[in-house]
Amino acid sequence: MLVSNLEMAPGHRVVAHLGLAQGSTVRAKHAGRDLMAGLKNIVGGELKGYTELMQEAREEAIKRMTDEARSMGANAVLNVRFVTTAITTGAAEILAYGSAVKIERI
């Protein structure tokens, strides 16, 4: 399945717009990662544990979005966007959404 942040797919045309496809996941901080993040705040640098956590969350949100699009009969999701929302202290939701479409090569 083609997933793109563009409004169109070069070399393709949209033959059907099937609606909004979305997928989300809520992730919580890990106590060990939180401890290491606190230490990093002192010396500075990348919080690699959180970087990995957010990457995993984005991948899961995309998977759920494409699964929903596929169930709608789509072969592409265009104009994909991400939103991150704090749910509670230490937990955040990652939402991926876009237009579920059927495309064909020109």
C-alpha atoms as a PDB file:
ATOM      1  CA  MET A   1       0.000   0.000   0.000  1.00  0.00           C
ATOM      2  CA  LEU A   2       1.282   3.439  -0.943  1.00  0.00           C
ATOM      3  CA  VAL A   3       1.472   5.845   2.010  1.00  0.00           C
ATOM      4  CA  SER A   4       2.396   9.458   1.276  1.00  0.00           C
ATOM      5  CA  ASN A   5       2.218  12.886   2.836  1.00  0.00           C
ATOM      6  CA  LEU A   6       1.541  14.337  -0.641  1.00  0.00           C
ATOM      7  CA  GLU A   7      -1.989  15.160  -1.793  1.00  0.00           C
ATOM      8  CA  MET A   8      -1.418  13.123  -4.941  1.00  0.00           C
ATOM      9  CA  ALA A   9       0.787  10.263  -6.057  1.00  0.00           C
ATOM     10  CA  PRO A  10       3.041  11.207  -8.982  1.00  0.00           C
ATOM     11  CA  GLY A  11       2.380   8.966 -11.978  1.00  0.00           C
ATOM     12  CA  HIS A  12      -1.017   7.948 -10.594  1.00  0.00           C
ATOM     13  CA  ARG A  13      -4.523   9.322 -10.562  1.00  0.00           C
ATOM     14  CA  VAL A  14      -7.084   8.989  -7.812  1.00  0.00           C
ATOM     15  CA  VAL A  15     -10.082   7.028  -9.080  1.00  0.00           C
ATOM     16  CA  ALA A  16     -12.003   6.875  -5.781  1.00  0.00           C
ATOM     17  CA  HIS A  17     -11.890   8.683  -2.463  1.00  0.00           C
ATOM     18  CA  LEU A  18     -13.015   6.282   0.265  1.00  0.00           C
ATOM     19  CA  GLY A  19     -12.835   8.543   3.305  1.00  0.00           C
ATOM     20  CA  LEU A  20     -10.621   9.172   6.288  1.00  0.00           C
ATOM     21  CA  ALA A  21      -8.358   6.374   7.486  1.00  0.00           C
ATOM     22  CA  GLN A  22      -6.790   6.638  10.904  1.00  0.00           C
ATOM     23  CA  GLY A  23      -4.779   4.626  13.372  1.00  0.00           C
ATOM     24  CA  SER A  24      -3.525   5.424  16.834  1.00  0.00           C
ATOM     25  CA  THR A  25      -1.642   4.031  19.771  1.00  0.00           C
ATOM     26  CA  VAL A  26      -1.161   5.258  23.329  1.00  0.00           C
ATOM     27  CA  ARG A  27       2.254   4.723  24.870  1.00  0.00           C
ATOM     28  CA  ALA A  28       3.465   5.255  28.411  1.00  0.00           C
ATOM     29  CA  LYS A  29       6.915   6.116  29.667  1.00  0.00           C
ATOM     30  CA  HIS A  30       9.089   3.341  31.030  1.00  0.00           C
ATOM     31  CA  ALA A  31      10.525   3.996  34.510  1.00  0.00           C
ATOM     32  CA  GLY A  32      14.041   3.043  33.361  1.00  0.00           C
ATOM     33  CA  ARG A  33      13.825   5.352  30.351  1.00  0.00           C
ATOM     34  CA  ASP A  34      12.493   8.122  32.580  1.00  0.00           C
ATOM     35  CA  LEU A  35      15.452   7.763  34.954  1.00  0.00           C
ATOM     36  CA  MET A  36      17.938   7.890  32.086  1.00  0.00           C
ATOM     37  CA  ALA A  37      16.110  10.901  30.584  1.00  0.00           C
ATOM     38  CA  GLY A  38      16.485  12.718  33.899  1.00  0.00           C
ATOM     39  CA  LEU A  39      20.219  12.074  33.850  1.00  0.00           C
ATOM     40  CA  LYS A  40      20.455  13.253  30.221  1.00  0.00           C
ATOM     41  CA  ASN A  41      18.755  16.514  31.197  1.00  0.00           C
ATOM     42  CA  ILE A  42      21.787  17.241  33.349  1.00  0.00           C
ATOM     43  CA  VAL A  43      24.434  16.620  30.680  1.00  0.00           C
ATOM     44  CA  GLY A  44      22.358  17.167  27.529  1.00  0.00           C
ATOM     45  CA  GLY A  45      22.035  15.029  24.420  1.00  0.00           C
ATOM     46  CA  GLU A  46      19.503  12.880  22.639  1.00  0.00           C
ATOM     47  CA  LEU A  47      17.040  10.855  24.696  1.00  0.00           C
ATOM     48  CA  LYS A  48      17.478   7.674  22.645  1.00  0.00           C
ATOM     49  CA  GLY A  49      15.012   5.635  24.697  1.00  0.00           C
ATOM     50  CA  TYR A  50      12.267   8.150  23.954  1.00  0.00           C
ATOM     51  CA  THR A  51      13.304   8.426  20.314  1.00  0.00           C
ATOM     52  CA  GLU A  52      12.887   4.656  19.961  1.00  0.00           C
ATOM     53  CA  LEU A  53       9.561   4.739  21.826  1.00  0.00           C
ATOM     54  CA  MET A  54       8.174   7.421  19.509  1.00  0.00           C
ATOM     55  CA  GLN A  55       9.420   5.619  16.388  1.00  0.00           C
ATOM     56  CA  GLU A  56       7.705   2.403  17.499  1.00  0.00           C
ATOM     57  CA  ALA A  57       4.512   4.353  18.209  1.00  0.00           C
ATOM     58  CA  ARG A  58       4.540   6.007  14.760  1.00  0.00           C
ATOM     59  CA  GLU A  59       5.073   2.647  13.055  1.00  0.00           C
ATOM     60  CA  GLU A  60       2.153   1.104  14.982  1.00  0.00           C
ATOM     61  CA  ALA A  61      -0.125   4.063  14.186  1.00  0.00           C
ATOM     62  CA  ILE A  62       0.754   3.793  10.467  1.00  0.00           C
ATOM     63  CA  LYS A  63       0.098   0.043  10.507  1.00  0.00           C
ATOM     64  CA  ARG A  64      -3.323   0.554  12.077  1.00  0.00           C
ATOM     65  CA  MET A  65      -4.145   3.349   9.612  1.00  0.00           C
ATOM     66  CA  THR A  66      -3.186   1.231   6.586  1.00  0.00           C
ATOM     67  CA  ASP A  67      -5.126  -1.751   7.971  1.00  0.00           C
ATOM     68  CA  GLU A  68      -8.219   0.466   8.217  1.00  0.00           C
ATOM     69  CA  ALA A  69      -7.654   1.851   4.702  1.00  0.00           C
ATOM     70  CA  ARG A  70      -7.230  -1.669   3.314  1.00  0.00           C
ATOM     71  CA  SER A  71     -10.510  -2.739   4.953  1.00  0.00           C
ATOM     72  CA  MET A  72     -12.192   0.179   3.133  1.00  0.00           C
ATOM     73  CA  GLY A  73     -10.863  -1.115  -0.207  1.00  0.00           C
ATOM     74  CA  ALA A  74      -8.066   1.436  -0.593  1.00  0.00           C
ATOM     75  CA  ASN A  75      -4.691   0.792  -2.177  1.00  0.00           C
ATOM     76  CA  ALA A  76      -3.168   4.089  -0.974  1.00  0.00           C
ATOM     77  CA  VAL A  77      -3.381   6.633   1.821  1.00  0.00           C
ATOM     78  CA  LEU A  78      -2.543  10.173   0.771  1.00  0.00           C
ATOM     79  CA  ASN A  79      -2.001  13.430   2.651  1.00  0.00           C
ATOM     80  CA  VAL A  80      -0.874  11.524   5.761  1.00  0.00           C
ATOM     81  CA  ARG A  81      -0.365  13.494   8.952  1.00  0.00           C
ATOM     82  CA  PHE A  82       0.619  12.756  12.556  1.00  0.00           C
ATOM     83  CA  VAL A  83      -0.711  14.240  15.775  1.00  0.00           C
ATOM     84  CA  THR A  84       0.689  13.687  19.256  1.00  0.00           C
ATOM     85  CA  THR A  85      -1.475  14.334  22.304  1.00  0.00           C
ATOM     86  CA  ALA A  86      -0.686  14.011  25.998  1.00  0.00           C
ATOM     87  CA  ILE A  87      -3.277  11.682  27.519  1.00  0.00           C
ATOM     88  CA  THR A  88      -2.110  11.743  31.120  1.00  0.00           C
ATOM     89  CA  THR A  89       1.142  12.251  32.979  1.00  0.00           C
ATOM     90  CA  GLY A  90       3.647   9.963  31.316  1.00  0.00           C
ATOM     91  CA  ALA A  91       1.413   8.777  28.447  1.00  0.00           C
ATOM     92  CA  ALA A  92       0.819  10.104  24.939  1.00  0.00           C
ATOM     93  CA  GLU A  93      -1.268   9.182  21.916  1.00  0.00           C
ATOM     94  CA  ILE A  94       0.177   9.123  18.415  1.00  0.00           C
ATOM     95  CA  LEU A  95      -2.490   9.450  15.709  1.00  0.00           C
ATOM     96  CA  ALA A  96      -1.800   8.892  12.009  1.00  0.00           C
ATOM     97  CA  TYR A  97      -4.504   9.889   9.541  1.00  0.00           C
ATOM     98  CA  GLY A  98      -4.976  10.450   5.839  1.00  0.00           C
ATOM     99  CA  SER A  99      -7.251  10.044   2.838  1.00  0.00           C
ATOM    100  CA  ALA A 100      -7.963   6.433   1.898  1.00  0.00           C
ATOM    101  CA  VAL A 101      -8.059   6.281  -1.901  1.00  0.00           C
ATOM    102  CA  LYS A 102      -7.937   3.959  -4.862  1.00  0.00           C
ATOM    103  CA  ILE A 103      -5.268   4.977  -7.340  1.00  0.00           C
ATOM    104  CA  GLU A 104      -4.192   3.706 -10.738  1.00  0.00           C
ATOM    105  CA  ARG A 105      -1.140   4.343 -12.879  1.00  0.00           C
ATOM    106  CA  ILE A 106      -1.482   6.932 -15.598  1.00  0.00           C
END
